[in-house]
Protein backbone atom coordinates (compact mmCIF):
# COMPACT_ATOMS: atom_id res chain seq x y z
CA MET A 1 -10.44 -7.91 -6.33
CA GLY A 2 -10.07 -8.68 -2.62
CA ALA A 3 -11.57 -6.67 0.20
CA ASP A 4 -8.46 -4.52 0.66
CA GLY A 5 -8.30 -4.00 -3.09
CA ILE A 6 -11.81 -2.53 -2.98
CA LEU A 7 -10.82 -0.18 -0.17
CA ILE A 8 -7.84 1.05 -2.14
CA TYR A 9 -10.12 1.46 -5.16
CA LEU A 10 -12.46 3.64 -3.07
CA LEU A 11 -9.50 5.68 -1.87
CA LEU A 12 -8.43 6.29 -5.48
CA ILE A 13 -11.98 7.29 -6.43
CA GLY A 14 -12.01 9.82 -3.60
CA LEU A 15 -8.63 11.17 -4.70
CA PHE A 16 -9.83 11.45 -8.31
CA ILE A 17 -12.99 13.32 -7.31
CA SER A 18 -11.12 15.68 -5.00
CA ASN A 19 -8.08 16.38 -7.18
CA VAL A 20 -9.33 16.04 -10.77
CA ILE A 21 -13.09 16.57 -11.01
CA PHE A 22 -13.18 19.27 -8.31
CA TYR A 23 -9.61 20.47 -8.53
CA LYS A 24 -10.24 24.03 -7.35
CA LYS A 25 -12.76 23.43 -4.56
CA LEU A 26 -14.63 20.43 -3.19
CA PRO A 27 -18.43 20.96 -3.08
CA THR A 28 -19.82 21.71 0.37
CA VAL A 29 -21.99 18.58 0.36
CA LEU A 30 -18.94 16.36 -0.15
CA GLU A 31 -16.95 18.18 2.52
CA ALA A 32 -19.81 17.66 4.95
CA GLY A 33 -20.10 13.98 4.08
CA ALA A 34 -16.38 13.20 4.34
CA ARG A 35 -16.54 12.41 8.06
CA THR A 36 -13.34 10.35 8.22
CA GLU A 37 -12.99 10.43 12.01
CA TRP A 38 -16.61 9.47 12.69
CA TYR A 39 -16.62 6.58 10.22
CA ILE A 40 -13.45 4.96 11.49
CA LYS A 41 -14.46 5.32 15.15
CA THR A 42 -17.67 3.44 14.39
CA ALA A 43 -15.78 0.76 12.47
CA ILE A 44 -13.35 0.19 15.33
CA VAL A 45 -16.11 -0.25 17.92
CA LEU A 46 -17.69 -2.85 15.64
CA LEU A 47 -14.29 -4.51 15.26
CA GLY A 48 -14.20 -5.04 19.03
CA ALA A 49 -17.47 -6.99 18.86
CA LEU A 50 -16.29 -8.99 15.86
CA ILE A 51 -13.02 -10.08 17.44
CA GLY A 52 -14.66 -10.83 20.77
CA ALA A 53 -17.19 -13.16 19.13
CA SER A 54 -14.82 -14.81 16.66
CA SER A 55 -12.11 -15.62 19.21
CA LEU A 56 -14.55 -17.66 21.33
CA ARG A 57 -14.13 -20.55 18.93
CA TYR A 58 -10.45 -20.79 19.82
CA MET A 59 -10.46 -19.80 23.48
CA THR A 60 -7.48 -21.89 24.62
CA ILE A 61 -5.04 -20.84 21.94
CA ALA A 62 -6.54 -17.34 21.93
CA ILE A 63 -5.63 -16.85 25.59
CA THR A 64 -2.05 -17.92 24.87
CA LEU A 65 -1.83 -15.56 21.92
CA VAL A 66 -3.31 -12.75 24.03
CA GLU A 67 -0.57 -13.16 26.63
CA ARG A 68 2.21 -13.26 24.05
CA SER A 69 0.71 -10.36 22.09
CA LEU A 70 0.55 -8.09 25.11
CA ILE A 71 4.19 -8.71 25.98
CA ALA A 72 5.39 -8.33 22.39
CA ILE A 73 3.45 -5.12 21.82
CA VAL A 74 4.68 -3.42 24.98
CA ALA A 75 8.26 -4.42 24.16
CA ALA A 76 7.95 -3.23 20.57
CA TYR A 77 6.12 0.06 21.00
CA LEU A 78 8.26 1.41 23.78
CA ILE A 79 10.87 1.45 21.00
CA TYR A 80 8.75 2.19 17.90
CA TRP A 81 7.19 5.52 18.83
CA PRO A 82 10.28 7.33 20.21
CA ILE A 83 12.37 6.34 17.18
CA SER A 84 9.74 7.48 14.70
CA TYR A 85 9.07 10.75 16.53
CA PHE A 86 12.78 11.52 16.83
CA LEU A 87 13.36 10.90 13.12
CA SER A 88 10.33 12.98 12.09
CA TYR A 89 10.88 15.88 14.48
CA LYS A 90 14.66 16.10 14.72
CA LEU A 91 15.99 14.67 11.47
CA PHE A 92 13.24 15.64 9.00
CA LYS A 93 12.25 18.84 10.87
CA LEU A 94 8.49 18.24 10.95
CA ASP A 95 6.26 20.28 13.26
CA ASN A 96 5.69 18.51 16.60
CA LYS A 97 2.01 17.81 15.84
CA TRP A 98 2.86 16.39 12.43
CA ALA A 99 5.67 14.32 13.96
CA ALA A 100 3.49 12.96 16.78
CA THR A 101 0.64 12.02 14.44
CA LEU A 102 2.99 10.35 11.96
CA ALA A 103 4.82 8.51 14.76
CA SER A 104 1.55 7.08 16.08
CA GLY A 105 0.37 6.13 12.61
CA VAL A 106 3.53 4.25 11.69
CA SER A 107 4.11 2.83 15.19
CA ILE A 108 0.70 1.77 16.46
CA CYS A 109 -1.91 0.75 13.94
CA GLY A 110 -2.13 3.13 11.06
CA VAL A 111 -5.11 5.30 10.18
CA SER A 112 -7.06 4.94 13.44
CA ALA A 113 -3.97 5.73 15.54
CA ALA A 114 -3.21 8.81 13.45
CA ILE A 115 -6.77 10.08 13.84
CA ALA A 116 -6.91 9.34 17.58
CA THR A 117 -3.54 11.01 18.21
CA ALA A 118 -4.46 14.09 16.19
CA ALA A 119 -7.63 14.49 18.27
CA ALA A 120 -5.72 14.01 21.52
CA ILE A 121 -3.16 16.73 20.75
CA GLY A 122 -5.59 19.12 19.07
CA ALA A 123 -4.06 18.89 15.59
CA PRO A 124 -5.94 20.40 12.60
CA SER A 125 -7.83 17.92 10.37
CA ILE A 126 -5.35 18.24 7.49
CA ILE A 127 -2.72 16.43 9.58
CA PRO A 128 -4.53 13.09 10.19
CA ALA A 129 -5.98 13.19 6.66
CA THR A 130 -2.54 13.56 5.08
CA VAL A 131 -0.86 10.99 7.33
CA SER A 132 -3.74 8.55 6.73
CA SER A 133 -3.32 8.82 2.97
CA ILE A 134 0.39 8.01 3.23
CA ILE A 135 -0.31 5.08 5.58
CA VAL A 136 -2.92 3.52 3.30
CA LEU A 137 -0.79 3.80 0.17
CA PHE A 138 2.24 2.16 1.76
CA ALA A 139 0.11 -0.50 3.47
CA VAL A 140 -0.61 -1.80 -0.02
CA VAL A 141 3.14 -2.11 -0.66
CA GLU A 142 3.55 -4.02 2.61
CA LEU A 143 0.65 -6.30 1.74
CA VAL A 144 2.25 -7.25 -1.56
CA ILE A 145 5.78 -7.89 -0.22
CA LEU A 146 5.89 -8.91 3.46
CA PRO A 147 3.78 -12.13 3.39
CA PHE A 148 6.12 -13.65 0.80
CA VAL A 149 9.16 -12.68 2.86
CA ALA A 150 7.56 -14.16 5.99
CA ALA A 151 6.74 -17.42 4.19
CA SER A 152 10.37 -17.69 3.09
CA ILE A 153 12.24 -16.86 6.30
CA LEU A 154 9.72 -17.85 9.01
CA LYS A 155 8.23 -21.11 7.78
CA TRP A 156 9.99 -22.76 10.75
CA ALA A 157 7.97 -20.46 13.09
CA PRO A 158 4.46 -19.97 11.62
CA TYR A 159 3.05 -18.11 14.64
CA ALA A 160 5.96 -15.68 14.44
CA ALA A 161 5.13 -15.04 10.78
CA GLY A 162 1.59 -14.05 11.76
CA ALA A 163 2.78 -11.88 14.63
CA TRP A 164 5.22 -10.13 12.29
CA MET A 165 2.35 -9.23 9.97
CA GLY A 166 0.32 -7.87 12.90
CA LEU A 167 3.23 -5.84 14.26
CA SER A 168 4.44 -4.50 10.90
CA VAL A 169 1.54 -3.98 8.47
CA LYS A 170 -0.48 -0.82 9.03
CA THR A 171 -4.31 -0.60 8.96
CA ASP A 172 -6.52 -3.41 10.28
CA GLY A 173 -7.62 -4.60 6.85
CA ALA A 174 -4.13 -4.79 5.37
CA ALA A 175 -2.76 -6.57 8.46
CA ALA A 176 -5.54 -9.17 8.35
CA ALA A 177 -5.09 -9.62 4.60
CA SER A 178 -1.32 -10.00 4.92
CA GLY A 179 -1.88 -12.56 7.68
CA ALA A 180 -4.27 -14.49 5.45
CA LEU A 181 -1.78 -14.47 2.57
CA ALA A 182 1.11 -15.55 4.80
CA ASP A 183 -1.19 -18.23 6.23
CA ALA A 184 -1.92 -19.64 2.77
CA LEU A 185 1.73 -19.53 1.70
CA ILE A 186 2.95 -21.29 4.86
CA SER A 187 0.17 -23.85 5.45
CA ASN A 188 0.45 -25.10 1.85
CA GLN A 189 4.07 -26.13 2.40
CA PRO A 190 4.81 -29.79 3.23
CA GLY A 191 4.17 -30.67 6.87
CA LEU A 192 2.69 -27.28 7.79
CA ALA A 193 -1.00 -27.85 6.99
CA VAL A 194 -1.74 -28.03 10.74
CA TYR A 195 -1.08 -24.29 10.98
CA LYS A 196 -3.84 -23.38 8.54
CA THR A 197 -5.80 -20.34 9.82
CA TRP A 198 -3.50 -19.96 12.85
CA VAL A 199 -1.00 -17.70 11.12
CA MET A 200 -3.87 -15.38 10.23
CA ASN A 201 -5.40 -15.66 13.72
CA THR A 202 -2.07 -14.65 15.27
CA ALA A 203 -1.81 -11.64 12.96
CA VAL A 204 -5.35 -10.50 13.78
CA MET A 205 -4.96 -11.06 17.54
CA THR A 206 -1.72 -9.08 17.62
CA LYS A 207 -3.37 -6.31 15.64
CA VAL A 208 -6.29 -6.22 18.07
CA PHE A 209 -4.04 -5.40 21.00
CA ILE A 210 -2.24 -2.81 18.94
CA ASP A 211 -5.66 -1.15 18.53
CA ILE A 212 -6.19 -1.20 22.30
CA TRP A 213 -2.83 0.54 22.67
CA ILE A 214 -4.33 3.52 20.85
CA GLY A 215 -6.39 4.45 23.90
CA LEU A 216 -3.49 4.35 26.34
CA TRP A 217 -1.12 6.23 24.07
CA ALA A 218 -3.69 8.87 23.11
CA PHE A 219 -4.35 9.47 26.81
CA ILE A 220 -0.62 9.83 27.52
CA LEU A 221 -0.17 12.26 24.62
CA ALA A 222 -3.23 14.28 25.68
CA VAL A 223 -1.69 14.72 29.14
CA ILE A 224 1.74 15.63 27.73
CA TRP A 225 0.33 18.15 25.25
CA LEU A 226 -1.94 19.85 27.79
CA MET A 227 0.43 19.82 30.73
CA ILE A 228 3.77 20.42 28.99
CA VAL A 229 3.73 21.24 25.25
CA GLU A 230 0.84 23.73 25.17
CA LYS A 231 0.91 24.93 28.77
CA LYS A 232 1.91 28.54 29.24
CA PRO A 233 3.84 29.80 32.29
CA GLY A 234 1.51 30.08 35.29
CA GLN A 235 -1.41 28.46 33.46
CA LYS A 236 -3.50 25.79 35.17
CA VAL A 237 -4.98 23.18 32.85
CA PRO A 238 -8.31 21.72 34.06
CA ALA A 239 -8.25 17.92 34.28
CA ILE A 240 -11.52 17.79 32.32
CA MET A 241 -9.59 18.93 29.23
CA ILE A 242 -7.86 15.56 29.14
CA TRP A 243 -11.25 13.85 29.02
CA PHE A 244 -12.40 16.12 26.19
CA ARG A 245 -9.39 15.12 24.09
CA PHE A 246 -9.42 11.44 24.95
CA PRO A 247 -10.64 9.32 21.96
CA LYS A 248 -13.75 7.83 23.58
CA PHE A 249 -14.40 5.38 20.76
CA VAL A 250 -11.56 3.29 22.21
CA LEU A 251 -13.70 2.69 25.31
CA GLY A 252 -16.46 1.37 23.05
CA TYR A 253 -14.01 -0.94 21.31
CA ILE A 254 -12.65 -2.39 24.56
CA SER A 255 -16.12 -2.67 26.13
CA THR A 256 -17.68 -4.66 23.28
CA TRP A 257 -14.67 -6.98 23.12
CA LEU A 258 -14.62 -7.63 26.88
CA ILE A 259 -18.40 -8.04 27.17
CA LEU A 260 -18.45 -10.78 24.55
CA TRP A 261 -15.52 -12.56 26.17
CA GLY A 262 -17.31 -12.23 29.52
CA VAL A 263 -20.36 -13.94 28.05
CA GLY A 264 -18.11 -16.68 26.73
CA PHE A 265 -16.59 -17.33 30.16
CA THR A 266 -20.02 -17.23 31.82
CA VAL A 267 -22.04 -19.59 29.61
CA GLY A 268 -19.14 -21.43 28.03
CA ALA A 269 -17.09 -20.57 24.97
CA VAL A 270 -18.56 -23.38 22.85
CA VAL A 271 -22.18 -22.43 23.54
CA ALA A 272 -21.51 -18.71 23.13
CA SER A 273 -19.55 -19.13 19.91
CA LYS A 274 -22.38 -21.07 18.24
CA PHE A 275 -24.68 -18.11 18.72
CA MET A 276 -22.23 -15.26 18.31
CA VAL A 277 -20.21 -16.50 15.36
CA GLY A 278 -23.35 -17.52 13.51
CA GLY A 279 -25.36 -14.44 14.43
CA ILE A 280 -23.26 -11.49 15.52
CA THR A 281 -20.22 -12.00 13.31
CA PRO A 282 -21.78 -11.78 9.81
CA GLN A 283 -23.80 -8.64 10.57
CA THR A 284 -20.96 -6.98 12.46
CA GLU A 285 -18.48 -7.72 9.68
CA LEU A 286 -20.85 -6.27 7.09
CA PHE A 287 -21.32 -2.97 8.92
CA ARG A 288 -17.66 -2.79 9.98
CA TYR A 289 -16.58 -3.12 6.36
CA PHE A 290 -19.18 -0.57 5.27
CA PHE A 291 -17.78 2.04 7.66
CA PHE A 292 -14.20 1.21 6.68
CA ALA A 293 -15.22 1.74 3.06
CA LEU A 294 -16.68 5.15 3.92
CA THR A 295 -13.46 5.96 5.78
CA PHE A 296 -11.23 5.22 2.81
CA MET A 297 -13.46 7.15 0.41
CA SER A 298 -13.44 10.10 2.83
CA ILE A 299 -9.67 10.02 3.13
CA GLY A 300 -9.47 10.38 -0.64
CA LEU A 301 -11.96 13.25 -0.63
CA VAL A 302 -10.13 15.27 2.01
CA THR A 303 -6.65 14.65 0.57
CA ARG A 304 -5.80 17.54 -1.71
CA PHE A 305 -2.52 17.23 -3.60
CA ARG A 306 -2.36 21.01 -3.87
CA THR A 307 -2.34 21.17 -0.09
CA LEU A 308 0.28 18.41 0.12
CA ALA A 309 2.55 20.51 -2.10
CA GLU A 310 1.93 23.62 -0.02
CA ILE A 311 2.81 21.89 3.25
CA LYS A 312 5.82 20.11 1.70
CA ALA A 313 4.55 16.56 2.25
CA GLY A 314 7.61 15.14 0.51
CA ARG A 315 9.57 15.28 3.75
CA MET A 316 6.73 13.57 5.56
CA ILE A 317 6.61 10.73 3.04
CA ILE A 318 10.36 10.18 3.39
CA ALA A 319 10.09 10.30 7.18
CA TYR A 320 7.28 7.75 7.08
CA VAL A 321 9.13 5.36 4.76
CA VAL A 322 12.34 5.49 6.79
CA SER A 323 10.42 4.91 10.04
CA LEU A 324 8.42 2.07 8.50
CA ILE A 325 11.50 0.22 7.25
CA ILE A 326 13.15 0.48 10.67
CA ILE A 327 9.98 -0.73 12.42
CA ILE A 328 9.59 -3.72 10.10
CA PHE A 329 13.07 -4.93 11.03
CA ILE A 330 12.56 -4.25 14.74
CA ALA A 331 9.22 -6.12 14.74
CA LEU A 332 10.92 -9.28 13.54
CA GLY A 333 12.73 -9.60 16.88
CA PRO A 334 9.69 -9.68 19.25
CA SER A 335 7.80 -11.86 16.77
CA ILE A 336 10.45 -14.58 16.92
CA ALA A 337 11.19 -14.11 20.63
CA PHE A 338 7.59 -14.49 21.81
CA PHE A 339 5.90 -16.68 19.19
CA ALA A 340 8.50 -19.04 17.73
CA GLY A 341 8.33 -21.51 20.62
CA LEU A 342 4.60 -22.20 20.60
CA PRO A 343 3.56 -25.82 19.80
CA PRO A 344 1.37 -26.69 16.79
CA PRO A 345 -2.40 -26.30 17.34
CA LYS A 346 -4.34 -29.44 18.27
């Protein structure tokens, strides 16, 4: 069982405990321990250090991928989020907080985006927990299908195949795993061995900048919710309220990533990578995966099917699936436009 398979297994265990063993009420000790938001915030900060250290080995191509990723993500997400929110809020008649959280989860990067958005707009914990469960379950479906499609239709543009995985597959783990699978399927074809690892690197790099987008979008939504959606006539909203709602873990993510890149530029990428990749990366990856594992288990524990039935989650699932299918097709455009022309790695 691969890493993502273990995470899904932990999610199922959490669901079994919450909905079968303790069907009526989850014990207080488990409720206290299911700190989904805290676990994933910690994991994402560690992810910033991991990516910053790992990318030093490929500084030249990494810089190129960074530039293309930034352009592709801005182009894609100015379209993604409005479409998903409109479908959820207008067509499927979801509450605005449910619609905003779902739109961020399906548009940006999955579980972490849903949690960050829910915090920014002051949504109750049941909303990010429910949306996160839907995201994780359908990420498995994407992981099984999309890499094979990419290897079939994008073997002429390997970087684009990786970018498509990063722009389409939700959750960091599933995106990286889909990139790795697409990488193996493409690099094993005749004449494409030179692209080995680069399809996966493109997927991961694109996903990294999607994660950074969480901070900007959460800030924007916090301002909109405080100044427009929740503001009452004549009410003055203190600016400090925006800071209280801003997901501060994003600052930790960006800081660790930029600090490590700064070290690389200062002492040299080759010298820095020998130390960081050999020292920082293994330990960081271990703890990052540990906190992701706790996150998935917690999602299972806080997801109660009885509650899903009460809040009519069926409409939310349909809204998510429709949005996801549309986004997958849209993502193919920027992937080809910005990554198909890159030369083979040397």
